[in-house]
C-alpha atoms as a PDB file:
ATOM      1  CA  MET A   1      40.177  21.980  25.181  1.00  0.00           C
ATOM      2  CA  ASN A   2      38.989  19.082  23.112  1.00  0.00           C
ATOM      3  CA  GLY A   3      41.359  17.608  20.553  1.00  0.00           C
ATOM      4  CA  PRO A   4      40.682  17.147  16.860  1.00  0.00           C
ATOM      5  CA  PRO A   5      37.929  14.665  15.923  1.00  0.00           C
ATOM      6  CA  PRO A   6      38.955  11.167  14.858  1.00  0.00           C
ATOM      7  CA  PRO A   7      39.325  10.404  11.157  1.00  0.00           C
ATOM      8  CA  ASP A   8      36.075  10.077   9.262  1.00  0.00           C
ATOM      9  CA  THR A   9      34.880   6.734   7.906  1.00  0.00           C
ATOM     10  CA  ASN A  10      32.507   5.746   5.109  1.00  0.00           C
ATOM     11  CA  TYR A  11      31.318   2.146   5.454  1.00  0.00           C
ATOM     12  CA  GLY A  12      27.872   2.749   3.953  1.00  0.00           C
ATOM     13  CA  PRO A  13      28.747   2.044   0.292  1.00  0.00           C
ATOM     14  CA  ILE A  14      30.407  -1.241   1.298  1.00  0.00           C
ATOM     15  CA  TYR A  15      27.189  -2.340   2.993  1.00  0.00           C
ATOM     16  CA  LEU A  16      25.019  -1.361   0.035  1.00  0.00           C
ATOM     17  CA  GLY A  17      27.325  -3.079  -2.453  1.00  0.00           C
ATOM     18  CA  VAL A  18      27.605  -6.401  -0.621  1.00  0.00           C
ATOM     19  CA  ILE A  19      24.013  -6.611   0.572  1.00  0.00           C
ATOM     20  CA  GLY A  20      22.724  -5.402  -2.788  1.00  0.00           C
ATOM     21  CA  VAL A  21      24.424  -8.257  -4.647  1.00  0.00           C
ATOM     22  CA  PHE A  22      23.253 -10.942  -2.221  1.00  0.00           C
ATOM     23  CA  THR A  23      19.741  -9.480  -2.117  1.00  0.00           C
ATOM     24  CA  VAL A  24      19.519  -9.832  -5.887  1.00  0.00           C
ATOM     25  CA  LEU A  25      20.795 -13.422  -5.719  1.00  0.00           C
ATOM     26  CA  ALA A  26      18.425 -14.406  -2.898  1.00  0.00           C
ATOM     27  CA  THR A  27      15.467 -12.714  -4.592  1.00  0.00           C
ATOM     28  CA  GLY A  28      16.260 -14.449  -7.876  1.00  0.00           C
ATOM     29  CA  LEU A  29      16.449 -17.873  -6.227  1.00  0.00           C
ATOM     30  CA  CYS A  30      13.232 -17.254  -4.311  1.00  0.00           C
ATOM     31  CA  GLY A  31      11.511 -16.138  -7.511  1.00  0.00           C
ATOM     32  CA  ALA A  32      12.709 -19.260  -9.319  1.00  0.00           C
ATOM     33  CA  ARG A  33      11.401 -21.387  -6.453  1.00  0.00           C
ATOM     34  CA  MET A  34       7.978 -19.748  -6.656  1.00  0.00           C
ATOM     35  CA  ILE A  35       7.849 -20.260 -10.423  1.00  0.00           C
ATOM     36  CA  SER A  36       8.791 -23.939 -10.087  1.00  0.00           C
ATOM     37  CA  ARG A  37       6.038 -24.352  -7.486  1.00  0.00           C
ATOM     38  CA  CYS A  38       3.438 -22.741  -9.752  1.00  0.00           C
ATOM     39  CA  ARG A  39       4.172 -24.770 -12.905  1.00  0.00           C
ATOM     40  CA  PRO A  40       2.310 -26.627 -14.279  1.00  0.00           C
ATOM     41  CA  LYS A  41      -0.129 -25.855 -11.450  1.00  0.00           C
ATOM     42  CA  VAL A  42       0.065 -23.818  -8.249  1.00  0.00           C
ATOM     43  CA  ASN A  43       1.432 -25.939  -5.408  1.00  0.00           C
ATOM     44  CA  LEU A  44       2.612 -23.442  -2.798  1.00  0.00           C
ATOM     45  CA  ARG A  45       3.067 -24.884   0.685  1.00  0.00           C
ATOM     46  CA  VAL A  46       3.614 -23.344   4.110  1.00  0.00           C
ATOM     47  CA  ASP A  47       7.415 -23.324   3.770  1.00  0.00           C
ATOM     48  CA  ASP A  48       7.115 -21.551   0.395  1.00  0.00           C
ATOM     49  CA  TRP A  49       5.025 -18.755   1.894  1.00  0.00           C
ATOM     50  CA  LEU A  50       7.377 -18.397   4.857  1.00  0.00           C
ATOM     51  CA  ILE A  51      10.473 -18.037   2.678  1.00  0.00           C
ATOM     52  CA  LEU A  52       8.627 -15.666   0.331  1.00  0.00           C
ATOM     53  CA  ILE A  53       7.725 -13.354   3.238  1.00  0.00           C
ATOM     54  CA  ALA A  54      11.320 -13.545   4.527  1.00  0.00           C
ATOM     55  CA  THR A  55      12.609 -12.537   1.092  1.00  0.00           C
ATOM     56  CA  ILE A  56      10.219  -9.586   0.873  1.00  0.00           C
ATOM     57  CA  LEU A  57      11.346  -8.438   4.322  1.00  0.00           C
ATOM     58  CA  SER A  58      15.013  -8.721   3.272  1.00  0.00           C
ATOM     59  CA  VAL A  59      14.361  -6.570   0.202  1.00  0.00           C
ATOM     60  CA  ALA A  60      12.650  -4.039   2.483  1.00  0.00           C
ATOM     61  CA  ILE A  61      15.721  -3.991   4.740  1.00  0.00           C
ATOM     62  CA  PHE A  62      17.953  -3.169   1.778  1.00  0.00           C
ATOM     63  CA  PHE A  63      15.774  -0.290   0.621  1.00  0.00           C
ATOM     64  CA  ILE A  64      15.470   1.125   4.156  1.00  0.00           C
ATOM     65  CA  SER A  65      19.264   1.053   4.459  1.00  0.00           C
ATOM     66  CA  ILE A  66      19.650   3.347   1.419  1.00  0.00           C
ATOM     67  CA  PRO A  67      18.330   6.511   3.171  1.00  0.00           C
ATOM     68  CA  MET A  68      20.349   5.511   6.236  1.00  0.00           C
ATOM     69  CA  VAL A  69      23.524   5.747   4.171  1.00  0.00           C
ATOM     70  CA  VAL A  70      22.324   9.027   2.667  1.00  0.00           C
ATOM     71  CA  TYR A  71      21.791  10.425   6.178  1.00  0.00           C
ATOM     72  CA  GLY A  72      25.348   9.506   7.144  1.00  0.00           C
ATOM     73  CA  TRP A  73      25.298   5.895   8.331  1.00  0.00           C
ATOM     74  CA  GLY A  74      28.873   4.616   8.185  1.00  0.00           C
ATOM     75  CA  HIS A  75      30.459   8.006   8.909  1.00  0.00           C
ATOM     76  CA  HIS A  76      31.798   9.017  12.297  1.00  0.00           C
ATOM     77  CA  SER A  77      29.195  10.921  14.311  1.00  0.00           C
ATOM     78  CA  ALA A  78      31.555  13.885  14.704  1.00  0.00           C
ATOM     79  CA  TYR A  79      30.986  14.698  11.021  1.00  0.00           C
ATOM     80  CA  ILE A  80      27.192  14.189  10.869  1.00  0.00           C
ATOM     81  CA  ALA A  81      24.518  16.598  12.118  1.00  0.00           C
ATOM     82  CA  PHE A  82      22.596  15.425  15.163  1.00  0.00           C
ATOM     83  CA  SER A  83      19.209  15.556  13.393  1.00  0.00           C
ATOM     84  CA  ARG A  84      20.530  13.276  10.651  1.00  0.00           C
ATOM     85  CA  GLN A  85      21.870  10.840  13.246  1.00  0.00           C
ATOM     86  CA  ILE A  86      18.398  10.556  14.771  1.00  0.00           C
ATOM     87  CA  ASN A  87      16.993   9.702  11.334  1.00  0.00           C
ATOM     88  CA  VAL A  88      19.622   6.977  10.956  1.00  0.00           C
ATOM     89  CA  PHE A  89      18.790   5.389  14.301  1.00  0.00           C
ATOM     90  CA  LYS A  90      15.050   5.553  13.610  1.00  0.00           C
ATOM     91  CA  CYS A  91      15.591   3.578  10.416  1.00  0.00           C
ATOM     92  CA  SER A  92      17.947   1.254  12.269  1.00  0.00           C
ATOM     93  CA  PHE A  93      15.232   0.470  14.832  1.00  0.00           C
ATOM     94  CA  GLY A  94      12.837  -0.424  12.028  1.00  0.00           C
ATOM     95  CA  ILE A  95      15.431  -2.642  10.354  1.00  0.00           C
ATOM     96  CA  GLN A  96      16.046  -4.494  13.609  1.00  0.00           C
ATOM     97  CA  VAL A  97      12.329  -5.263  13.973  1.00  0.00           C
ATOM     98  CA  ILE A  98      12.123  -6.523  10.381  1.00  0.00           C
ATOM     99  CA  TRP A  99      15.349  -8.526  10.658  1.00  0.00           C
ATOM    100  CA  ILE A 100      14.186 -10.364  13.793  1.00  0.00           C
ATOM    101  CA  LEU A 101      11.116 -11.603  11.910  1.00  0.00           C
ATOM    102  CA  ALA A 102      12.974 -12.354   8.659  1.00  0.00           C
ATOM    103  CA  VAL A 103      15.671 -14.533  10.229  1.00  0.00           C
ATOM    104  CA  ALA A 104      13.028 -16.428  12.234  1.00  0.00           C
ATOM    105  CA  LEU A 105      10.930 -17.092   9.118  1.00  0.00           C
ATOM    106  CA  VAL A 106      13.950 -18.478   7.254  1.00  0.00           C
ATOM    107  CA  ARG A 107      14.633 -21.052   9.973  1.00  0.00           C
ATOM    108  CA  LEU A 108      10.950 -21.939  10.272  1.00  0.00           C
ATOM    109  CA  SER A 109      10.677 -22.424   6.509  1.00  0.00           C
ATOM    110  CA  ILE A 110      13.632 -24.806   6.442  1.00  0.00           C
ATOM    111  CA  ALA A 111      12.294 -26.730   9.451  1.00  0.00           C
ATOM    112  CA  VAL A 112       8.838 -27.102   7.867  1.00  0.00           C
ATOM    113  CA  SER A 113      10.332 -28.319   4.573  1.00  0.00           C
ATOM    114  CA  LEU A 114      12.484 -30.898   6.378  1.00  0.00           C
ATOM    115  CA  LEU A 115       9.426 -32.282   8.175  1.00  0.00           C
ATOM    116  CA  ARG A 116       8.284 -33.917   4.934  1.00  0.00           C
ATOM    117  CA  LEU A 117      11.540 -35.736   4.275  1.00  0.00           C
ATOM    118  CA  SER A 118      11.341 -38.481   6.897  1.00  0.00           C
ATOM    119  CA  PRO A 119       8.557 -40.212   8.848  1.00  0.00           C
ATOM    120  CA  GLU A 120      10.868 -41.096  11.757  1.00  0.00           C
ATOM    121  CA  ARG A 121       9.641 -39.896  15.146  1.00  0.00           C
ATOM    122  CA  ILE A 122      12.990 -38.576  16.336  1.00  0.00           C
ATOM    123  CA  TRP A 123      13.290 -36.613  13.075  1.00  0.00           C
ATOM    124  CA  LYS A 124       9.892 -34.965  13.549  1.00  0.00           C
ATOM    125  CA  TYR A 125      10.334 -34.392  17.296  1.00  0.00           C
ATOM    126  CA  THR A 126      13.676 -32.680  16.664  1.00  0.00           C
ATOM    127  CA  LEU A 127      12.194 -30.360  14.058  1.00  0.00           C
ATOM    128  CA  TRP A 128       9.153 -29.521  16.156  1.00  0.00           C
ATOM    129  CA  THR A 129      11.487 -28.713  19.056  1.00  0.00           C
ATOM    130  CA  ILE A 130      13.493 -26.409  16.776  1.00  0.00           C
ATOM    131  CA  PHE A 131      10.245 -24.821  15.653  1.00  0.00           C
ATOM    132  CA  ALA A 132       9.111 -24.140  19.238  1.00  0.00           C
ATOM    133  CA  VAL A 133      12.508 -22.845  20.398  1.00  0.00           C
ATOM    134  CA  GLN A 134      12.738 -20.467  17.432  1.00  0.00           C
ATOM    135  CA  VAL A 135       9.285 -19.026  18.175  1.00  0.00           C
ATOM    136  CA  ILE A 136      10.159 -18.531  21.867  1.00  0.00           C
ATOM    137  CA  ILE A 137      13.434 -16.789  21.016  1.00  0.00           C
ATOM    138  CA  TYR A 138      11.673 -14.593  18.470  1.00  0.00           C
ATOM    139  CA  LEU A 139       9.139 -13.498  21.090  1.00  0.00           C
ATOM    140  CA  GLY A 140      12.008 -12.807  23.499  1.00  0.00           C
ATOM    141  CA  HIS A 141      13.734 -10.598  20.919  1.00  0.00           C
ATOM    142  CA  VAL A 142      10.516  -8.674  20.343  1.00  0.00           C
ATOM    143  CA  LEU A 143      10.051  -8.254  24.088  1.00  0.00           C
ATOM    144  CA  PHE A 144      13.519  -6.780  24.564  1.00  0.00           C
ATOM    145  CA  GLN A 145      13.232  -4.670  21.415  1.00  0.00           C
ATOM    146  CA  PHE A 146      10.047  -2.872  22.481  1.00  0.00           C
ATOM    147  CA  PHE A 147      10.054  -3.013  26.283  1.00  0.00           C
ATOM    148  CA  ASN A 148      13.721  -2.875  27.283  1.00  0.00           C
ATOM    149  CA  CYS A 149      13.678   0.905  27.644  1.00  0.00           C
ATOM    150  CA  LYS A 150      10.936   3.427  28.303  1.00  0.00           C
ATOM    151  CA  PRO A 151      10.019   5.612  26.556  1.00  0.00           C
ATOM    152  CA  LEU A 152      10.414   3.743  23.264  1.00  0.00           C
ATOM    153  CA  ARG A 153      11.911   6.756  21.484  1.00  0.00           C
ATOM    154  CA  ALA A 154      14.986   6.325  23.685  1.00  0.00           C
ATOM    155  CA  SER A 155      16.002   3.656  21.174  1.00  0.00           C
ATOM    156  CA  TRP A 156      16.846   6.306  18.573  1.00  0.00           C
ATOM    157  CA  GLU A 157      17.323   9.610  20.426  1.00  0.00           C
ATOM    158  CA  PRO A 158      18.665  10.802  23.811  1.00  0.00           C
ATOM    159  CA  VAL A 159      16.046  10.907  26.580  1.00  0.00           C
ATOM    160  CA  TYR A 160      16.677  12.343  30.042  1.00  0.00           C
ATOM    161  CA  ASP A 161      14.143  10.295  31.996  1.00  0.00           C
ATOM    162  CA  ILE A 162      15.009   6.959  30.390  1.00  0.00           C
ATOM    163  CA  ARG A 163      14.282   3.772  32.340  1.00  0.00           C
ATOM    164  CA  CYS A 164      15.849   0.518  31.132  1.00  0.00           C
ATOM    165  CA  TRP A 165      16.192  -3.023  32.417  1.00  0.00           C
ATOM    166  CA  ASP A 166      19.498  -4.057  33.929  1.00  0.00           C
ATOM    167  CA  ARG A 167      21.972  -4.484  31.088  1.00  0.00           C
ATOM    168  CA  LYS A 168      23.117  -7.873  32.390  1.00  0.00           C
ATOM    169  CA  TYR A 169      19.707  -9.386  31.532  1.00  0.00           C
ATOM    170  CA  VAL A 170      19.982  -8.145  27.969  1.00  0.00           C
ATOM    171  CA  LEU A 171      23.504  -9.553  27.629  1.00  0.00           C
ATOM    172  CA  ILE A 172      22.578 -12.926  29.141  1.00  0.00           C
ATOM    173  CA  PHE A 173      19.556 -13.298  26.864  1.00  0.00           C
ATOM    174  CA  GLY A 174      21.566 -12.231  23.832  1.00  0.00           C
ATOM    175  CA  TRP A 175      24.387 -14.719  24.362  1.00  0.00           C
ATOM    176  CA  VAL A 176      22.102 -17.619  25.284  1.00  0.00           C
ATOM    177  CA  ALA A 177      19.633 -16.971  22.462  1.00  0.00           C
ATOM    178  CA  ASN A 178      22.297 -16.459  19.811  1.00  0.00           C
ATOM    179  CA  SER A 179      24.182 -19.578  20.915  1.00  0.00           C
ATOM    180  CA  ILE A 180      21.008 -21.639  20.594  1.00  0.00           C
ATOM    181  CA  LEU A 181      20.282 -20.133  17.172  1.00  0.00           C
ATOM    182  CA  VAL A 182      23.774 -21.016  15.933  1.00  0.00           C
ATOM    183  CA  LEU A 183      23.163 -24.592  17.099  1.00  0.00           C
ATOM    184  CA  ILE A 184      19.810 -24.608  15.272  1.00  0.00           C
ATOM    185  CA  ASP A 185      21.487 -23.373  12.077  1.00  0.00           C
ATOM    186  CA  VAL A 186      24.025 -26.183  12.292  1.00  0.00           C
ATOM    187  CA  LEU A 187      21.314 -28.798  12.926  1.00  0.00           C
ATOM    188  CA  LEU A 188      19.195 -27.592  10.009  1.00  0.00           C
ATOM    189  CA  ALA A 189      22.229 -27.767   7.711  1.00  0.00           C
ATOM    190  CA  VAL A 190      23.509 -31.143   8.963  1.00  0.00           C
ATOM    191  CA  MET A 191      20.260 -33.099   9.375  1.00  0.00           C
ATOM    192  CA  PRO A 192      19.749 -33.757   5.622  1.00  0.00           C
ATOM    193  CA  ILE A 193      23.158 -35.474   5.467  1.00  0.00           C
ATOM    194  CA  HIS A 194      21.484 -38.573   6.907  1.00  0.00           C
ATOM    195  CA  LEU A 195      19.152 -38.601   3.904  1.00  0.00           C
ATOM    196  CA  ILE A 196      21.909 -37.911   1.373  1.00  0.00           C
ATOM    197  CA  ARG A 197      23.787 -41.030   2.482  1.00  0.00           C
ATOM    198  CA  THR A 198      20.744 -43.190   1.713  1.00  0.00           C
ATOM    199  CA  LEU A 199      20.057 -41.659  -1.709  1.00  0.00           C
ATOM    200  CA  HIS A 200      20.787 -43.866  -4.715  1.00  0.00           C
ATOM    201  CA  ARG A 201      22.418 -41.013  -6.613  1.00  0.00           C
ATOM    202  CA  SER A 202      25.687 -40.501  -8.359  1.00  0.00           C
ATOM    203  CA  ARG A 203      28.577 -39.186  -6.277  1.00  0.00           C
ATOM    204  CA  ARG A 204      28.645 -36.018  -8.360  1.00  0.00           C
ATOM    205  CA  GLU A 205      25.005 -35.252  -7.556  1.00  0.00           C
ATOM    206  CA  LYS A 206      25.532 -35.961  -3.857  1.00  0.00           C
ATOM    207  CA  ILE A 207      28.389 -33.466  -3.910  1.00  0.00           C
ATOM    208  CA  LEU A 208      26.089 -30.916  -5.574  1.00  0.00           C
ATOM    209  CA  ILE A 209      23.405 -31.365  -2.902  1.00  0.00           C
ATOM    210  CA  SER A 210      26.024 -31.148  -0.141  1.00  0.00           C
ATOM    211  CA  CYS A 211      27.381 -27.888  -1.563  1.00  0.00           C
ATOM    212  CA  LEU A 212      23.893 -26.403  -1.560  1.00  0.00           C
ATOM    213  CA  MET A 213      23.448 -27.384   2.067  1.00  0.00           C
ATOM    214  CA  ALA A 214      26.844 -25.906   2.924  1.00  0.00           C
ATOM    215  CA  LEU A 215      25.201 -22.497   2.539  1.00  0.00           C
ATOM    216  CA  GLY A 216      23.350 -23.254   5.765  1.00  0.00           C
ATOM    217  CA  LEU A 217      26.612 -23.982   7.555  1.00  0.00           C
ATOM    218  CA  LEU A 218      28.039 -20.737   6.193  1.00  0.00           C
ATOM    219  CA  ALA A 219      25.051 -18.878   7.653  1.00  0.00           C
ATOM    220  CA  ALA A 220      25.741 -20.549  11.017  1.00  0.00           C
ATOM    221  CA  ALA A 221      29.403 -19.510  10.823  1.00  0.00           C
ATOM    222  CA  ILE A 222      28.368 -15.911  10.130  1.00  0.00           C
ATOM    223  CA  ALA A 223      26.022 -15.969  13.132  1.00  0.00           C
ATOM    224  CA  ALA A 224      28.872 -17.197  15.339  1.00  0.00           C
ATOM    225  CA  TYR A 225      31.211 -14.507  13.985  1.00  0.00           C
ATOM    226  CA  ARG A 226      28.527 -11.870  14.554  1.00  0.00           C
ATOM    227  CA  MET A 227      28.403 -12.857  18.219  1.00  0.00           C
ATOM    228  CA  SER A 228      32.171 -12.442  18.532  1.00  0.00           C
ATOM    229  CA  ILE A 229      32.127  -8.811  17.362  1.00  0.00           C
ATOM    230  CA  THR A 230      29.121  -7.681  19.418  1.00  0.00           C
ATOM    231  CA  ASN A 231      31.078  -6.117  22.284  1.00  0.00           C
ATOM    232  CA  SER A 232      33.500  -4.203  20.041  1.00  0.00           C
ATOM    233  CA  THR A 233      30.617  -2.976  17.864  1.00  0.00           C
ATOM    234  CA  PHE A 234      28.655  -1.340  20.687  1.00  0.00           C
ATOM    235  CA  ALA A 235      31.760  -0.028  22.414  1.00  0.00           C
ATOM    236  CA  GLY A 236      32.617   2.269  19.503  1.00  0.00           C
ATOM    237  CA  ASP A 237      30.879   5.081  17.657  1.00  0.00           C
ATOM    238  CA  LEU A 238      27.475   3.572  16.876  1.00  0.00           C
ATOM    239  CA  LEU A 239      26.931   5.570  13.708  1.00  0.00           C
ATOM    240  CA  SER A 240      29.948   3.953  12.059  1.00  0.00           C
ATOM    241  CA  SER A 241      30.634   0.758  14.028  1.00  0.00           C
ATOM    242  CA  THR A 242      27.175  -0.786  13.528  1.00  0.00           C
ATOM    243  CA  VAL A 243      27.479  -0.974   9.724  1.00  0.00           C
ATOM    244  CA  MET A 244      29.640  -4.105   9.591  1.00  0.00           C
ATOM    245  CA  MET A 245      27.551  -5.754  12.299  1.00  0.00           C
ATOM    246  CA  SER A 246      24.409  -5.058  10.300  1.00  0.00           C
ATOM    247  CA  MET A 247      26.036  -6.354   7.126  1.00  0.00           C
ATOM    248  CA  TRP A 248      26.901  -9.712   8.708  1.00  0.00           C
ATOM    249  CA  SER A 249      23.430  -9.960  10.241  1.00  0.00           C
ATOM    250  CA  GLU A 250      21.725  -9.404   6.892  1.00  0.00           C
ATOM    251  CA  LEU A 251      24.105 -11.819   5.147  1.00  0.00           C
ATOM    252  CA  GLU A 252      22.991 -14.462   7.631  1.00  0.00           C
ATOM    253  CA  VAL A 253      19.394 -14.003   6.470  1.00  0.00           C
ATOM    254  CA  LEU A 254      20.207 -13.853   2.761  1.00  0.00           C
ATOM    255  CA  LEU A 255      22.397 -16.964   2.816  1.00  0.00           C
ATOM    256  CA  GLY A 256      19.644 -18.741   4.725  1.00  0.00           C
ATOM    257  CA  ILE A 257      17.162 -17.789   1.991  1.00  0.00           C
ATOM    258  CA  MET A 258      19.561 -19.014  -0.688  1.00  0.00           C
ATOM    259  CA  ALA A 259      20.055 -22.316   1.139  1.00  0.00           C
ATOM    260  CA  ALA A 260      16.303 -22.759   1.616  1.00  0.00           C
ATOM    261  CA  CYS A 261      15.578 -22.043  -2.051  1.00  0.00           C
ATOM    262  CA  SER A 262      18.422 -24.121  -3.494  1.00  0.00           C
ATOM    263  CA  ALA A 263      17.023 -27.512  -2.446  1.00  0.00           C
ATOM    264  CA  PRO A 264      13.620 -27.112  -4.192  1.00  0.00           C
ATOM    265  CA  LEU A 265      15.472 -25.956  -7.310  1.00  0.00           C
ATOM    266  CA  LYS A 266      17.601 -29.108  -7.434  1.00  0.00           C
ATOM    267  CA  ALA A 267      15.560 -30.685 -10.241  1.00  0.00           C
ATOM    268  CA  PRO A 268      15.727 -27.622 -12.569  1.00  0.00           C
ATOM    269  CA  ALA A 269      19.429 -27.226 -11.751  1.00  0.00           C
ATOM    270  CA  GLU A 270      19.946 -30.900 -12.475  1.00  0.00           C
ATOM    271  CA  ARG A 271      18.396 -30.532 -15.935  1.00  0.00           C
ATOM    272  CA  LEU A 272      20.568 -27.504 -16.652  1.00  0.00           C
ATOM    273  CA  LEU A 273      23.749 -29.268 -15.535  1.00  0.00           C
ATOM    274  CA  LYS A 274      22.859 -32.310 -17.627  1.00  0.00           C
ATOM    275  CA  ARG A 275      22.582 -30.098 -20.702  1.00  0.00           C
ATOM    276  CA  MET A 276      26.029 -28.739 -19.846  1.00  0.00           C
ATOM    277  CA  GLY A 277      27.355 -32.284 -19.490  1.00  0.00           C
ATOM    278  CA  LEU A 278      28.232 -31.865 -15.810  1.00  0.00           C
ATOM    279  CA  LEU A 279      25.855 -34.569 -14.558  1.00  0.00           C
ATOM    280  CA  ALA A 280      25.190 -38.109 -15.674  1.00  0.00           C
ATOM    281  CA  SER A 281      21.955 -39.134 -17.333  1.00  0.00           C
ATOM    282  CA  ARG A 282      18.736 -39.268 -15.357  1.00  0.00           C
ATOM    283  CA  MET A 283      18.532 -43.074 -15.376  1.00  0.00           C
ATOM    284  CA  GLU A 284      22.080 -43.426 -14.103  1.00  0.00           C
ATOM    285  CA  MET A 285      21.439 -41.022 -11.240  1.00  0.00           C
ATOM    286  CA  THR A 286      18.095 -42.305 -10.045  1.00  0.00           C
ATOM    287  CA  ARG A 287      18.318 -46.088 -10.355  1.00  0.00           C
ATOM    288  CA  PRO A 288      19.155 -47.777  -7.071  1.00  0.00           C
ATOM    289  CA  SER A 289      22.388 -49.677  -6.792  1.00  0.00           C
ATOM    290  CA  PHE A 290      20.643 -53.029  -6.483  1.00  0.00           C
ATOM    291  CA  VAL A 291      18.944 -52.484  -9.876  1.00  0.00           C
ATOM    292  CA  LEU A 292      22.245 -51.661 -11.537  1.00  0.00           C
ATOM    293  CA  SER A 293      23.907 -54.689  -9.977  1.00  0.00           C
ATOM    294  CA  LEU A 294      21.133 -56.946 -11.263  1.00  0.00           C
ATOM    295  CA  GLN A 295      21.555 -55.587 -14.759  1.00  0.00           C
ATOM    296  CA  ASP A 296      25.300 -56.116 -14.646  1.00  0.00           C
ATOM    297  CA  ARG A 297      24.760 -59.826 -14.053  1.00  0.00           C
ATOM    298  CA  GLU A 298      24.154 -61.327 -17.520  1.00  0.00           C
ATOM    299  CA  PRO A 299      22.230 -64.618 -17.314  1.00  0.00           C
ATOM    300  CA  SER A 300      23.796 -67.645 -18.973  1.00  0.00           C
ATOM    301  CA  ARG A 301      22.476 -68.830 -22.312  1.00  0.00           C
ATOM    302  CA  SER A 302      21.245 -72.123 -20.891  1.00  0.00           C
ATOM    303  CA  SER A 303      19.289 -70.448 -18.084  1.00  0.00           C
ATOM    304  CA  GLU A 304      17.632 -68.070 -20.544  1.00  0.00           C
ATOM    305  CA  THR A 305      16.680 -71.037 -22.743  1.00  0.00           C
ATOM    306  CA  ASP A 306      15.194 -72.829 -19.754  1.00  0.00           C
ATOM    307  CA  ARG A 307      13.070 -69.785 -18.952  1.00  0.00           C
ATOM    308  CA  LEU A 308      11.780 -69.615 -22.515  1.00  0.00           C
ATOM    309  CA  ASP A 309      10.926 -73.310 -22.465  1.00  0.00           C
ATOM    310  CA  SER A 310       9.047 -72.935 -19.211  1.00  0.00           C
ATOM    311  CA  ALA A 311       7.194 -69.955 -20.605  1.00  0.00           C
ATOM    312  CA  HIS A 312       6.003 -71.985 -23.594  1.00  0.00           C
ATOM    313  CA  THR A 313       4.682 -74.640 -21.208  1.00  0.00           C
ATOM    314  CA  GLY A 314       2.693 -72.058 -19.255  1.00  0.00           C
ATOM    315  CA  GLY A 315       5.139 -71.526 -16.376  1.00  0.00           C
ATOM    316  CA  GLU A 316       5.903 -67.896 -17.263  1.00  0.00           C
ATOM    317  CA  SER A 317       4.530 -65.459 -19.841  1.00  0.00           C
ATOM    318  CA  ILE A 318       6.633 -63.981 -22.616  1.00  0.00           C
ATOM    319  CA  GLU A 319       5.432 -60.521 -21.570  1.00  0.00           C
ATOM    320  CA  LYS A 320       6.832 -61.012 -18.091  1.00  0.00           C
ATOM    321  CA  LEU A 321      10.164 -62.036 -19.590  1.00  0.00           C
ATOM    322  CA  LYS A 322      10.242 -58.799 -21.575  1.00  0.00           C
ATOM    323  CA  THR A 323       9.750 -56.640 -18.500  1.00  0.00           C
ATOM    324  CA  GLY A 324      11.248 -58.733 -15.730  1.00  0.00           C
ATOM    325  CA  ASN A 325      14.795 -57.413 -16.139  1.00  0.00           C
ATOM    326  CA  ARG A 326      14.031 -53.758 -16.628  1.00  0.00           C
ATOM    327  CA  GLY A 327      14.575 -52.824 -12.963  1.00  0.00           C
ATOM    328  CA  VAL A 328      12.692 -49.946 -11.315  1.00  0.00           C
ATOM    329  CA  SER A 329      11.598 -46.981 -13.380  1.00  0.00           C
ATOM    330  CA  THR A 330      12.530 -43.399 -12.566  1.00  0.00           C
ATOM    331  CA  VAL A 331       8.888 -42.503 -11.904  1.00  0.00           C
ATOM    332  CA  GLU A 332       8.461 -45.421  -9.512  1.00  0.00           C
ATOM    333  CA  ILE A 333      11.536 -44.372  -7.552  1.00  0.00           C
ATOM    334  CA  GLU A 334      10.677 -40.685  -7.348  1.00  0.00           C
ATOM    335  CA  ARG A 335       7.130 -41.317  -6.169  1.00  0.00           C
ATOM    336  CA  GLY A 336       8.665 -41.980  -2.791  1.00  0.00           C
ATOM    337  CA  VAL A 337      10.348 -38.566  -2.741  1.00  0.00           C
ATOM    338  CA  PRO A 338       8.233 -35.856  -1.077  1.00  0.00           C
END
């Protein structure tokens, strides 16, 4: 005689609450990025379209998860009717397909945006390699998702004549692919540090940019943690144990979107923080150190007099004297920024 069923669980509301908040934040940042790209004129690039599609897919994932929770996702299967469980796993299959594409688009968007930041060959070769590896891994995920088991409906309901590939191939691909993706996340978050060190910006602004990029490292940490809980997730009751796994997976995408959209919004954020008095003035932040050092050196009175005398004799124009010590303008500096 079977014993009493295990205690019931209810993880669904936790998923909806956490993912709902981060979906709103990511959507808001993506919307702000699109607005900044369209004002004063439309200037949407490939990376903008990629991150926009990824955001739309993430919103779709959240809304698909709502009926899953209604059908009993997060509860123990002993307390949910079998027909409702099938509905949950059908929705789960759809979410997995959407998530695979969304997380790939986020990485591709960041890689494309970084391509414009440096003309160095090693920089571009590294990013193109990341681009190619991400596409290959995405195709591998799609292959396993749709062709691992036959018939396809075995992914969401019991089938007697099911035929699947050897599980060891799935596990090997999963660990190798996820390990490479974690490495890619770290590279995409760390690569801009080389550029930050060469920026002639105030320390406070460099800290701000670094904090924005730390979101990428947080996404990489979540991906690594997600790998560590894979075995325990699929060893338990799938109706309840997959909720936390799905939550961490979606957080990885949403944090990636937030990281990708934070960098293009640096200029609007900078203006806001200046109004709040948290950043120095524009001229102080954008003038290179060599310009500031030249301005700190006050010429002696005799040397200035000599320059004026030479100007009167035709050696140097008064107009050049008026502009010679002004340094480099903000516009001239920022023209070099992509």
